[in-house]
């Protein structure tokens, strides 16, 4: 596999929003097929590293969907949005700054705790099952604009998840991966059972 040609193809495959914020690099020493650190708000560039020795063992469609899914996951993670959790963080940060200026130790403790609570709630929201499932579904939608049908795209991503587990020499799929596979089977019309809404929110 020519890495430069593959990277060029993958960049062209991405939606414009992902292309602007993503940097693809080769990392042959990593054990994961594709890896991207959790996207923190202070990092504007999302660096994705690929082990091309493992990557080339995936089929073309599997590589396409694995890349689109990773980009979709990165863009699904939201730190800045107008909701209650961000309001709590903002109020806590302003309160903390005000109490520090007034040299009120008890006030700093309360406001700092409020800010920490808001950050914790945002972190939990970005690690829910729903984020993972939405990333898969978004990748399938983007793939349809690249010539795949919904069942083809869902099946390719399903097979990619299973193949990546083998390539990374893991003993099996994680609970989250099993849930994602079931959701993809429903999208691929292989199963009538989708992931229930209650489990999506976990």
N, C-alpha and C. Protein backbone atom coordinates (compact mmCIF):
# COMPACT_ATOMS: atom_id res chain seq x y z
N UNK A 1 0.84 -1.20 0.00
CA UNK A 1 0.00 0.00 0.00
C UNK A 1 0.87 1.25 0.00
N UNK A 2 0.58 2.18 -0.89
CA UNK A 2 1.27 3.46 -0.92
C UNK A 2 0.59 4.39 0.10
N UNK A 3 1.32 4.73 1.16
CA UNK A 3 0.72 5.51 2.24
C UNK A 3 0.26 6.89 1.79
N UNK A 4 1.04 7.54 0.94
CA UNK A 4 0.66 8.88 0.47
C UNK A 4 -0.64 8.83 -0.32
N UNK A 5 -0.77 7.84 -1.19
CA UNK A 5 -2.01 7.70 -1.97
C UNK A 5 -3.20 7.41 -1.06
N UNK A 6 -2.97 6.56 -0.05
CA UNK A 6 -4.05 6.20 0.87
C UNK A 6 -4.48 7.41 1.70
N UNK A 7 -3.53 8.15 2.20
CA UNK A 7 -3.87 9.35 2.98
C UNK A 7 -4.62 10.36 2.12
N UNK A 8 -4.19 10.52 0.88
CA UNK A 8 -4.87 11.44 -0.04
C UNK A 8 -6.32 10.98 -0.26
N UNK A 9 -6.51 9.68 -0.45
CA UNK A 9 -7.87 9.14 -0.63
C UNK A 9 -8.72 9.38 0.61
N UNK A 10 -8.14 9.13 1.79
CA UNK A 10 -8.90 9.28 3.03
C UNK A 10 -9.28 10.74 3.28
N UNK A 11 -8.39 11.65 2.96
CA UNK A 11 -8.71 13.08 3.12
C UNK A 11 -9.83 13.49 2.17
N UNK A 12 -9.81 12.99 0.95
CA UNK A 12 -10.88 13.29 -0.01
C UNK A 12 -12.21 12.67 0.42
N UNK A 13 -12.13 11.54 1.11
CA UNK A 13 -13.32 10.84 1.57
C UNK A 13 -14.04 11.60 2.69
N UNK A 14 -13.27 12.28 3.53
CA UNK A 14 -13.84 12.97 4.69
C UNK A 14 -14.81 14.07 4.29
N UNK A 15 -15.81 14.34 5.15
CA UNK A 15 -16.60 15.55 4.95
C UNK A 15 -15.72 16.77 5.18
N UNK A 16 -16.10 17.91 4.62
CA UNK A 16 -15.26 19.11 4.70
C UNK A 16 -14.96 19.50 6.14
N UNK A 17 -15.94 19.35 7.04
CA UNK A 17 -15.74 19.74 8.44
C UNK A 17 -14.63 18.90 9.08
N UNK A 18 -14.60 17.60 8.76
CA UNK A 18 -13.56 16.74 9.31
C UNK A 18 -12.20 17.01 8.71
N UNK A 19 -12.18 17.33 7.42
CA UNK A 19 -10.92 17.58 6.71
C UNK A 19 -10.20 18.79 7.30
N UNK A 20 -10.97 19.81 7.72
CA UNK A 20 -10.36 21.05 8.22
C UNK A 20 -9.72 20.86 9.59
N UNK A 21 -10.24 19.91 10.39
CA UNK A 21 -9.76 19.80 11.76
C UNK A 21 -8.94 18.54 12.02
N UNK A 22 -8.72 17.73 10.99
CA UNK A 22 -8.07 16.43 11.19
C UNK A 22 -6.71 16.36 10.52
N UNK A 23 -5.77 15.74 11.21
CA UNK A 23 -4.43 15.49 10.66
C UNK A 23 -4.16 14.00 10.74
N UNK A 24 -3.89 13.37 9.59
CA UNK A 24 -3.59 11.94 9.54
C UNK A 24 -2.08 11.71 9.54
N UNK A 25 -1.64 10.80 10.40
CA UNK A 25 -0.21 10.48 10.45
C UNK A 25 -0.02 8.97 10.49
N UNK A 26 1.13 8.52 10.05
CA UNK A 26 1.48 7.10 10.10
C UNK A 26 2.20 6.82 11.42
N UNK A 27 1.76 5.75 12.11
CA UNK A 27 2.39 5.38 13.38
C UNK A 27 2.49 3.85 13.43
N UNK A 28 3.50 3.28 12.77
CA UNK A 28 3.60 1.82 12.68
C UNK A 28 3.84 1.12 14.01
N UNK A 29 4.31 1.85 15.03
CA UNK A 29 4.61 1.21 16.30
C UNK A 29 3.38 1.03 17.20
N UNK A 30 2.26 1.66 16.87
CA UNK A 30 1.09 1.55 17.74
C UNK A 30 0.38 0.21 17.53
N UNK A 31 -0.26 -0.27 18.60
CA UNK A 31 -0.96 -1.56 18.52
C UNK A 31 -2.36 -1.42 17.93
N UNK A 32 -2.93 -0.20 17.99
CA UNK A 32 -4.25 0.03 17.42
C UNK A 32 -4.16 0.26 15.92
N UNK A 33 -5.20 -0.15 15.20
CA UNK A 33 -5.24 0.09 13.76
C UNK A 33 -5.34 1.58 13.48
N UNK A 34 -6.27 2.24 14.16
CA UNK A 34 -6.41 3.70 14.05
C UNK A 34 -6.69 4.25 15.44
N UNK A 35 -6.03 5.33 15.77
CA UNK A 35 -6.16 5.88 17.12
C UNK A 35 -6.28 7.40 17.05
N UNK A 36 -7.15 7.93 17.89
CA UNK A 36 -7.27 9.38 18.03
C UNK A 36 -7.49 9.68 19.50
N UNK A 37 -6.66 10.55 20.10
CA UNK A 37 -6.86 10.88 21.51
C UNK A 37 -8.21 11.56 21.72
N UNK A 38 -8.74 11.46 22.95
CA UNK A 38 -10.00 12.12 23.24
C UNK A 38 -9.86 13.61 22.94
N UNK A 39 -10.78 14.19 22.16
CA UNK A 39 -10.65 15.60 21.75
C UNK A 39 -11.02 16.60 22.85
N UNK A 40 -10.01 17.23 23.42
CA UNK A 40 -10.25 18.25 24.46
C UNK A 40 -10.49 19.61 23.80
N UNK A 41 -11.19 20.51 24.50
CA UNK A 41 -11.59 21.78 23.87
C UNK A 41 -10.43 22.68 23.46
N UNK A 42 -9.28 22.56 24.12
CA UNK A 42 -8.15 23.44 23.79
C UNK A 42 -7.35 22.96 22.58
N UNK A 43 -7.71 21.79 22.05
CA UNK A 43 -6.99 21.27 20.89
C UNK A 43 -7.86 21.43 19.64
N UNK A 44 -7.45 22.31 18.74
CA UNK A 44 -8.25 22.58 17.55
C UNK A 44 -8.01 21.54 16.45
N UNK A 45 -6.84 20.88 16.47
CA UNK A 45 -6.51 19.86 15.47
C UNK A 45 -6.65 18.48 16.10
N UNK A 46 -7.39 17.60 15.42
CA UNK A 46 -7.56 16.23 15.88
C UNK A 46 -6.58 15.34 15.13
N UNK A 47 -5.59 14.82 15.82
CA UNK A 47 -4.56 14.00 15.19
C UNK A 47 -4.96 12.53 15.23
N UNK A 48 -5.09 11.95 14.06
CA UNK A 48 -5.41 10.53 13.95
C UNK A 48 -4.17 9.81 13.45
N UNK A 49 -3.77 8.78 14.19
CA UNK A 49 -2.61 8.00 13.76
C UNK A 49 -3.07 6.63 13.30
N UNK A 50 -2.47 6.16 12.21
CA UNK A 50 -2.85 4.89 11.59
C UNK A 50 -1.62 3.99 11.50
N UNK A 51 -1.81 2.74 11.90
CA UNK A 51 -0.78 1.73 11.67
C UNK A 51 -1.08 1.12 10.30
N UNK A 52 -0.40 1.57 9.27
CA UNK A 52 -0.71 1.14 7.90
C UNK A 52 -0.39 -0.33 7.65
N UNK A 53 0.50 -0.92 8.48
CA UNK A 53 0.76 -2.36 8.34
C UNK A 53 -0.49 -3.17 8.66
N UNK A 54 -1.26 -2.70 9.66
CA UNK A 54 -2.52 -3.35 10.01
C UNK A 54 -3.66 -2.85 9.13
N UNK A 55 -3.64 -1.58 8.83
CA UNK A 55 -4.70 -0.93 8.05
C UNK A 55 -4.90 -1.61 6.70
N UNK A 56 -3.81 -2.01 6.07
CA UNK A 56 -3.90 -2.59 4.73
C UNK A 56 -4.59 -3.96 4.73
N UNK A 57 -4.75 -4.57 5.92
CA UNK A 57 -5.45 -5.86 5.99
C UNK A 57 -6.97 -5.71 6.00
N UNK A 58 -7.44 -4.46 6.08
CA UNK A 58 -8.87 -4.19 5.95
C UNK A 58 -9.20 -4.02 4.46
N UNK A 59 -10.42 -4.34 4.07
CA UNK A 59 -10.84 -4.12 2.69
C UNK A 59 -11.03 -2.62 2.45
N UNK A 60 -11.16 -2.23 1.19
CA UNK A 60 -11.36 -0.82 0.86
C UNK A 60 -12.58 -0.24 1.58
N UNK A 61 -13.69 -0.95 1.52
CA UNK A 61 -14.91 -0.44 2.15
C UNK A 61 -14.77 -0.38 3.67
N UNK A 62 -14.08 -1.35 4.25
CA UNK A 62 -13.86 -1.34 5.70
C UNK A 62 -12.99 -0.16 6.10
N UNK A 63 -11.95 0.11 5.32
CA UNK A 63 -11.09 1.25 5.63
C UNK A 63 -11.86 2.56 5.52
N UNK A 64 -12.66 2.68 4.46
CA UNK A 64 -13.45 3.90 4.27
C UNK A 64 -14.37 4.15 5.46
N UNK A 65 -15.09 3.11 5.86
CA UNK A 65 -16.07 3.29 6.94
C UNK A 65 -15.40 3.47 8.29
N UNK A 66 -14.27 2.81 8.51
CA UNK A 66 -13.55 3.00 9.77
C UNK A 66 -13.04 4.44 9.89
N UNK A 67 -12.56 4.99 8.79
CA UNK A 67 -12.09 6.38 8.79
C UNK A 67 -13.26 7.33 9.01
N UNK A 68 -14.34 7.14 8.27
CA UNK A 68 -15.51 8.02 8.42
C UNK A 68 -16.09 7.95 9.82
N UNK A 69 -16.08 6.76 10.39
CA UNK A 69 -16.61 6.60 11.75
C UNK A 69 -15.74 7.35 12.77
N UNK A 70 -14.42 7.26 12.61
CA UNK A 70 -13.51 7.94 13.53
C UNK A 70 -13.68 9.45 13.43
N UNK A 71 -13.80 9.97 12.21
CA UNK A 71 -14.01 11.41 12.02
C UNK A 71 -15.36 11.82 12.61
N UNK A 72 -16.37 11.00 12.41
CA UNK A 72 -17.70 11.31 12.95
C UNK A 72 -17.69 11.34 14.47
N UNK A 73 -16.95 10.41 15.09
CA UNK A 73 -16.87 10.40 16.55
C UNK A 73 -16.19 11.67 17.06
N UNK A 74 -15.12 12.06 16.41
CA UNK A 74 -14.41 13.28 16.82
C UNK A 74 -15.33 14.50 16.77
N UNK A 75 -16.16 14.58 15.72
CA UNK A 75 -17.03 15.75 15.59
C UNK A 75 -18.29 15.64 16.45
N UNK A 76 -18.63 14.44 16.93
CA UNK A 76 -19.79 14.28 17.83
C UNK A 76 -19.49 14.78 19.24
N UNK A 77 -18.21 14.74 19.65
CA UNK A 77 -17.85 15.18 20.99
C UNK A 77 -17.99 16.70 21.07
N UNK A 78 -18.82 17.16 21.99
CA UNK A 78 -19.12 18.59 22.11
C UNK A 78 -18.73 19.08 23.51
N UNK A 79 -17.86 20.08 23.52
CA UNK A 79 -17.53 20.74 24.78
C UNK A 79 -18.25 22.08 24.91
N UNK A 80 -18.41 22.76 23.79
CA UNK A 80 -19.03 24.08 23.80
C UNK A 80 -20.40 24.00 23.15
N UNK A 81 -21.42 24.22 23.92
CA UNK A 81 -22.79 24.23 23.41
C UNK A 81 -23.66 24.96 24.44
N UNK A 82 -24.81 25.45 23.99
CA UNK A 82 -25.68 26.19 24.89
C UNK A 82 -26.62 25.22 25.61
N UNK A 83 -26.15 24.69 26.74
CA UNK A 83 -27.02 23.84 27.54
C UNK A 83 -26.70 24.02 29.02
N UNK A 84 -27.39 23.27 29.86
CA UNK A 84 -27.27 23.44 31.31
C UNK A 84 -25.86 23.18 31.81
N UNK A 85 -25.23 22.13 31.30
CA UNK A 85 -23.89 21.77 31.78
C UNK A 85 -22.87 22.88 31.51
N UNK A 86 -22.91 23.44 30.29
CA UNK A 86 -21.99 24.53 29.97
C UNK A 86 -22.30 25.76 30.82
N UNK A 87 -23.58 25.97 31.11
CA UNK A 87 -23.97 27.09 31.98
C UNK A 87 -23.42 26.92 33.39
N UNK A 88 -23.45 25.69 33.89
CA UNK A 88 -22.91 25.42 35.22
C UNK A 88 -21.41 25.70 35.26
N UNK A 89 -20.70 25.24 34.22
CA UNK A 89 -19.25 25.48 34.16
C UNK A 89 -18.95 26.97 34.12
N UNK A 90 -19.69 27.70 33.26
CA UNK A 90 -19.46 29.14 33.13
C UNK A 90 -19.75 29.87 34.44
N UNK A 91 -20.88 29.52 35.07
CA UNK A 91 -21.24 30.16 36.34
C UNK A 91 -20.19 29.85 37.41
N UNK A 92 -19.74 28.59 37.43
CA UNK A 92 -18.73 28.20 38.41
C UNK A 92 -17.41 28.91 38.19
N UNK A 93 -17.01 29.06 36.91
CA UNK A 93 -15.75 29.73 36.60
C UNK A 93 -15.81 31.21 36.97
N UNK A 94 -16.93 31.86 36.63
CA UNK A 94 -17.09 33.29 36.98
C UNK A 94 -17.12 33.46 38.49
N UNK A 95 -17.88 32.54 39.15
CA UNK A 95 -17.96 32.61 40.61
C UNK A 95 -16.61 32.41 41.28
N UNK A 96 -15.83 31.47 40.76
CA UNK A 96 -14.51 31.20 41.31
C UNK A 96 -13.60 32.42 41.17
N UNK A 97 -13.61 33.02 39.97
CA UNK A 97 -12.78 34.21 39.75
C UNK A 97 -13.19 35.35 40.68
N UNK A 98 -14.50 35.52 40.84
CA UNK A 98 -15.01 36.60 41.71
C UNK A 98 -14.59 36.36 43.16
N UNK A 99 -14.73 35.13 43.62
CA UNK A 99 -14.40 34.81 45.02
C UNK A 99 -12.89 34.91 45.27
N UNK A 100 -12.09 34.57 44.26
CA UNK A 100 -10.64 34.73 44.41
C UNK A 100 -10.30 36.20 44.55
N UNK A 101 -10.94 37.03 43.72
CA UNK A 101 -10.70 38.48 43.79
C UNK A 101 -11.11 39.03 45.16
N UNK A 102 -12.16 38.47 45.74
CA UNK A 102 -12.63 38.94 47.05
C UNK A 102 -11.93 38.22 48.20
N UNK A 103 -11.04 37.29 47.86
CA UNK A 103 -10.27 36.52 48.84
C UNK A 103 -11.18 35.80 49.83
N UNK A 104 -12.24 35.20 49.29
CA UNK A 104 -13.20 34.46 50.10
C UNK A 104 -12.94 32.97 49.86
N UNK A 105 -12.24 32.33 50.80
CA UNK A 105 -11.85 30.92 50.64
C UNK A 105 -13.07 30.01 50.52
N UNK A 106 -14.08 30.23 51.36
CA UNK A 106 -15.27 29.39 51.31
C UNK A 106 -16.00 29.58 49.98
N UNK A 107 -16.08 30.81 49.51
CA UNK A 107 -16.73 31.10 48.23
C UNK A 107 -15.99 30.45 47.07
N UNK A 108 -14.64 30.47 47.13
CA UNK A 108 -13.83 29.82 46.09
C UNK A 108 -14.11 28.33 46.06
N UNK A 109 -14.23 27.72 47.25
CA UNK A 109 -14.50 26.29 47.35
C UNK A 109 -15.86 25.94 46.73
N UNK A 110 -16.88 26.71 47.04
CA UNK A 110 -18.23 26.45 46.51
C UNK A 110 -18.26 26.64 44.99
N UNK A 111 -17.73 27.78 44.52
CA UNK A 111 -17.75 28.07 43.09
C UNK A 111 -16.89 27.08 42.31
N UNK A 112 -15.75 26.70 42.88
CA UNK A 112 -14.89 25.71 42.23
C UNK A 112 -15.56 24.35 42.13
N UNK A 113 -16.28 24.00 43.18
CA UNK A 113 -17.03 22.74 43.17
C UNK A 113 -18.11 22.74 42.11
N UNK A 114 -18.78 23.88 41.95
CA UNK A 114 -19.82 24.01 40.92
C UNK A 114 -19.21 23.85 39.52
N UNK A 115 -18.07 24.47 39.31
CA UNK A 115 -17.38 24.37 38.02
C UNK A 115 -16.97 22.91 37.75
N UNK A 116 -16.42 22.24 38.77
CA UNK A 116 -15.99 20.85 38.62
C UNK A 116 -17.18 19.94 38.31
N UNK A 117 -18.32 20.23 38.95
CA UNK A 117 -19.53 19.44 38.68
C UNK A 117 -19.95 19.57 37.22
N UNK A 118 -19.91 20.80 36.70
CA UNK A 118 -20.27 21.03 35.30
C UNK A 118 -19.34 20.30 34.35
N UNK A 119 -18.04 20.36 34.62
CA UNK A 119 -17.06 19.67 33.76
C UNK A 119 -17.29 18.17 33.80
N UNK A 120 -17.58 17.62 34.96
CA UNK A 120 -17.84 16.18 35.10
C UNK A 120 -19.07 15.76 34.30
N UNK A 121 -20.12 16.59 34.34
CA UNK A 121 -21.34 16.27 33.60
C UNK A 121 -21.09 16.31 32.08
N UNK A 122 -20.28 17.26 31.62
CA UNK A 122 -19.95 17.33 30.20
C UNK A 122 -19.14 16.10 29.80
N UNK A 123 -18.18 15.71 30.63
CA UNK A 123 -17.35 14.53 30.36
C UNK A 123 -18.23 13.28 30.25
N UNK A 124 -19.16 13.12 31.18
CA UNK A 124 -20.05 11.95 31.15
C UNK A 124 -20.93 11.96 29.90
N UNK A 125 -21.43 13.14 29.51
CA UNK A 125 -22.28 13.24 28.31
C UNK A 125 -21.51 12.83 27.07
N UNK A 126 -20.21 13.13 27.03
CA UNK A 126 -19.40 12.79 25.86
C UNK A 126 -18.90 11.35 25.87
N UNK A 127 -19.23 10.58 26.91
CA UNK A 127 -18.84 9.18 26.98
C UNK A 127 -20.04 8.25 27.04
N UNK A 128 -21.22 8.76 26.70
CA UNK A 128 -22.42 7.93 26.69
C UNK A 128 -22.43 7.02 25.46
N UNK A 129 -23.21 5.96 25.57
CA UNK A 129 -23.37 5.04 24.44
C UNK A 129 -23.89 5.77 23.21
N UNK A 130 -24.75 6.76 23.44
CA UNK A 130 -25.39 7.47 22.33
C UNK A 130 -24.36 8.13 21.41
N UNK A 131 -23.28 8.66 21.99
CA UNK A 131 -22.24 9.31 21.19
C UNK A 131 -21.61 8.28 20.24
N UNK A 132 -21.32 7.08 20.75
CA UNK A 132 -20.71 6.04 19.94
C UNK A 132 -21.65 5.59 18.81
N UNK A 133 -22.93 5.40 19.14
CA UNK A 133 -23.90 4.96 18.13
C UNK A 133 -24.16 6.04 17.10
N UNK A 134 -24.22 7.29 17.55
CA UNK A 134 -24.43 8.40 16.61
C UNK A 134 -23.27 8.53 15.64
N UNK A 135 -22.05 8.27 16.13
CA UNK A 135 -20.87 8.35 15.26
C UNK A 135 -20.95 7.29 14.16
N UNK A 136 -21.39 6.08 14.51
CA UNK A 136 -21.57 5.03 13.50
C UNK A 136 -22.61 5.44 12.47
N UNK A 137 -23.74 5.95 12.97
CA UNK A 137 -24.84 6.33 12.08
C UNK A 137 -24.44 7.50 11.17
N UNK A 138 -23.67 8.45 11.72
CA UNK A 138 -23.20 9.57 10.91
C UNK A 138 -22.25 9.09 9.82
N UNK A 139 -21.38 8.12 10.16
CA UNK A 139 -20.44 7.57 9.17
C UNK A 139 -21.20 6.89 8.03
N UNK A 140 -22.25 6.17 8.36
CA UNK A 140 -23.07 5.50 7.34
C UNK A 140 -23.74 6.53 6.44
N UNK A 141 -24.22 7.64 7.02
CA UNK A 141 -24.86 8.70 6.21
C UNK A 141 -23.86 9.34 5.26
N UNK A 142 -22.66 9.64 5.75
CA UNK A 142 -21.63 10.25 4.89
C UNK A 142 -21.25 9.28 3.78
N UNK A 143 -21.13 8.00 4.12
CA UNK A 143 -20.76 7.00 3.12
C UNK A 143 -21.79 6.92 2.00
N UNK A 144 -23.05 7.18 2.32
CA UNK A 144 -24.09 7.16 1.28
C UNK A 144 -23.88 8.29 0.27
N UNK A 145 -23.27 9.38 0.72
CA UNK A 145 -22.95 10.47 -0.20
C UNK A 145 -21.69 10.16 -1.01
N UNK A 146 -21.00 9.09 -0.64
CA UNK A 146 -19.79 8.67 -1.35
C UNK A 146 -20.05 7.43 -2.21
N UNK A 147 -21.32 7.09 -2.42
CA UNK A 147 -21.64 6.00 -3.34
C UNK A 147 -22.05 4.68 -2.71
N UNK A 148 -21.98 4.57 -1.39
CA UNK A 148 -22.41 3.35 -0.72
C UNK A 148 -23.92 3.40 -0.47
N UNK A 149 -24.56 2.24 -0.42
CA UNK A 149 -25.94 2.19 0.07
C UNK A 149 -25.87 2.08 1.59
N UNK A 150 -26.98 2.34 2.27
CA UNK A 150 -26.99 2.24 3.74
C UNK A 150 -26.63 0.83 4.21
N UNK A 151 -27.24 -0.24 3.65
CA UNK A 151 -26.84 -1.58 4.09
C UNK A 151 -25.37 -1.90 3.82
N UNK A 152 -24.85 -1.48 2.66
CA UNK A 152 -23.44 -1.73 2.34
C UNK A 152 -22.52 -1.04 3.35
N UNK A 153 -22.82 0.22 3.64
CA UNK A 153 -21.97 0.99 4.56
C UNK A 153 -22.03 0.40 5.97
N UNK A 154 -23.25 0.08 6.43
CA UNK A 154 -23.41 -0.48 7.78
C UNK A 154 -22.68 -1.83 7.89
N UNK A 155 -22.80 -2.67 6.86
CA UNK A 155 -22.15 -3.98 6.88
C UNK A 155 -20.62 -3.83 6.85
N UNK A 156 -20.13 -2.89 6.06
CA UNK A 156 -18.68 -2.66 5.99
C UNK A 156 -18.13 -2.22 7.34
N UNK A 157 -18.85 -1.34 8.04
CA UNK A 157 -18.40 -0.88 9.35
C UNK A 157 -18.49 -2.01 10.37
N UNK A 158 -19.56 -2.79 10.31
CA UNK A 158 -19.71 -3.95 11.19
C UNK A 158 -18.52 -4.90 11.03
N UNK A 159 -18.19 -5.25 9.78
CA UNK A 159 -17.08 -6.15 9.52
C UNK A 159 -15.74 -5.53 9.93
N UNK A 160 -15.62 -4.20 9.78
CA UNK A 160 -14.39 -3.51 10.17
C UNK A 160 -14.17 -3.60 11.68
N UNK A 161 -15.23 -3.41 12.45
CA UNK A 161 -15.12 -3.51 13.92
C UNK A 161 -14.62 -4.89 14.32
N UNK A 162 -15.19 -5.92 13.71
CA UNK A 162 -14.79 -7.29 14.03
C UNK A 162 -13.35 -7.57 13.59
N UNK A 163 -12.99 -7.09 12.40
CA UNK A 163 -11.64 -7.33 11.87
C UNK A 163 -10.57 -6.59 12.68
N UNK A 164 -10.89 -5.37 13.09
CA UNK A 164 -9.93 -4.58 13.88
C UNK A 164 -9.62 -5.28 15.19
N UNK A 165 -10.64 -5.87 15.82
CA UNK A 165 -10.42 -6.61 17.06
C UNK A 165 -9.42 -7.75 16.84
N UNK A 166 -9.54 -8.44 15.70
CA UNK A 166 -8.61 -9.52 15.37
C UNK A 166 -7.20 -8.98 15.13
N UNK A 167 -7.10 -7.90 14.35
CA UNK A 167 -5.79 -7.34 14.00
C UNK A 167 -5.06 -6.81 15.23
N UNK A 168 -5.82 -6.32 16.20
CA UNK A 168 -5.21 -5.79 17.42
C UNK A 168 -5.00 -6.89 18.47
N UNK A 169 -5.30 -8.14 18.09
CA UNK A 169 -5.09 -9.31 18.94
C UNK A 169 -5.79 -9.19 20.29
N UNK A 170 -7.01 -8.66 20.23
CA UNK A 170 -7.80 -8.58 21.45
C UNK A 170 -8.60 -9.87 21.63
N UNK A 171 -8.93 -10.24 22.86
CA UNK A 171 -9.65 -11.51 23.09
C UNK A 171 -11.07 -11.51 22.54
N UNK A 172 -11.64 -10.36 22.31
CA UNK A 172 -13.01 -10.27 21.81
C UNK A 172 -13.47 -8.83 21.77
N UNK A 173 -14.72 -8.64 21.38
CA UNK A 173 -15.28 -7.29 21.30
C UNK A 173 -15.68 -6.81 22.69
N UNK A 174 -15.59 -5.51 22.91
CA UNK A 174 -16.04 -4.92 24.17
C UNK A 174 -17.57 -4.85 24.19
N UNK A 175 -18.13 -4.55 25.35
CA UNK A 175 -19.58 -4.39 25.47
C UNK A 175 -20.08 -3.31 24.51
N UNK A 176 -19.33 -2.18 24.44
CA UNK A 176 -19.73 -1.09 23.55
C UNK A 176 -19.68 -1.52 22.09
N UNK A 177 -18.65 -2.27 21.72
CA UNK A 177 -18.55 -2.73 20.34
C UNK A 177 -19.66 -3.71 19.99
N UNK A 178 -20.04 -4.57 20.93
CA UNK A 178 -21.16 -5.48 20.70
C UNK A 178 -22.46 -4.72 20.48
N UNK A 179 -22.65 -3.64 21.27
CA UNK A 179 -23.84 -2.81 21.12
C UNK A 179 -23.83 -2.12 19.75
N UNK A 180 -22.67 -1.61 19.36
CA UNK A 180 -22.55 -0.95 18.06
C UNK A 180 -22.82 -1.94 16.93
N UNK A 181 -22.32 -3.15 17.07
CA UNK A 181 -22.53 -4.17 16.03
C UNK A 181 -24.01 -4.50 15.88
N UNK A 182 -24.73 -4.57 17.00
CA UNK A 182 -26.16 -4.86 16.92
C UNK A 182 -26.90 -3.73 16.21
N UNK A 183 -26.52 -2.49 16.51
CA UNK A 183 -27.14 -1.34 15.86
C UNK A 183 -26.84 -1.34 14.36
N UNK A 184 -25.62 -1.71 14.01
CA UNK A 184 -25.23 -1.77 12.58
C UNK A 184 -25.93 -2.91 11.86
N UNK A 185 -26.17 -4.02 12.55
CA UNK A 185 -26.93 -5.12 11.93
C UNK A 185 -28.34 -4.65 11.57
N UNK A 186 -28.93 -3.84 12.45
CA UNK A 186 -30.26 -3.31 12.16
C UNK A 186 -30.20 -2.37 10.96
N UNK A 187 -29.17 -1.52 10.87
CA UNK A 187 -29.03 -0.61 9.73
C UNK A 187 -28.77 -1.36 8.43
N UNK A 188 -28.07 -2.49 8.54
CA UNK A 188 -27.75 -3.30 7.37
C UNK A 188 -28.90 -4.24 6.99
N UNK A 189 -30.00 -4.15 7.73
CA UNK A 189 -31.19 -4.99 7.48
C UNK A 189 -30.90 -6.47 7.72
N UNK A 190 -29.94 -6.74 8.60
CA UNK A 190 -29.63 -8.12 8.96
C UNK A 190 -30.37 -8.55 10.23
N UNK A 191 -30.89 -7.58 10.95
CA UNK A 191 -31.61 -7.87 12.20
C UNK A 191 -32.74 -6.86 12.36
N UNK A 192 -33.90 -7.29 12.87
CA UNK A 192 -35.01 -6.36 13.12
C UNK A 192 -34.88 -5.63 14.45
N UNK A 193 -33.86 -6.00 15.24
CA UNK A 193 -33.73 -5.47 16.60
C UNK A 193 -32.64 -4.40 16.64
N UNK A 194 -33.04 -3.16 16.92
CA UNK A 194 -32.08 -2.06 17.10
C UNK A 194 -31.81 -1.88 18.59
N UNK A 195 -30.85 -1.04 18.91
CA UNK A 195 -30.53 -0.77 20.31
C UNK A 195 -31.66 0.07 20.91
N UNK A 196 -32.28 -0.37 22.01
CA UNK A 196 -33.39 0.39 22.62
C UNK A 196 -32.95 1.77 23.08
N UNK A 197 -33.87 2.76 23.03
CA UNK A 197 -33.52 4.14 23.43
C UNK A 197 -32.95 4.24 24.84
N UNK A 198 -33.46 3.43 25.76
CA UNK A 198 -32.96 3.51 27.14
C UNK A 198 -31.49 3.14 27.25
N UNK A 199 -31.07 2.13 26.49
CA UNK A 199 -29.66 1.70 26.52
C UNK A 199 -28.78 2.70 25.80
N UNK A 200 -29.30 3.35 24.77
CA UNK A 200 -28.54 4.38 24.04
C UNK A 200 -28.12 5.51 24.96
N UNK A 201 -28.93 5.80 25.99
CA UNK A 201 -28.66 6.94 26.87
C UNK A 201 -27.68 6.62 27.99
N UNK A 202 -27.27 5.35 28.10
CA UNK A 202 -26.38 4.97 29.22
C UNK A 202 -25.01 5.61 29.09
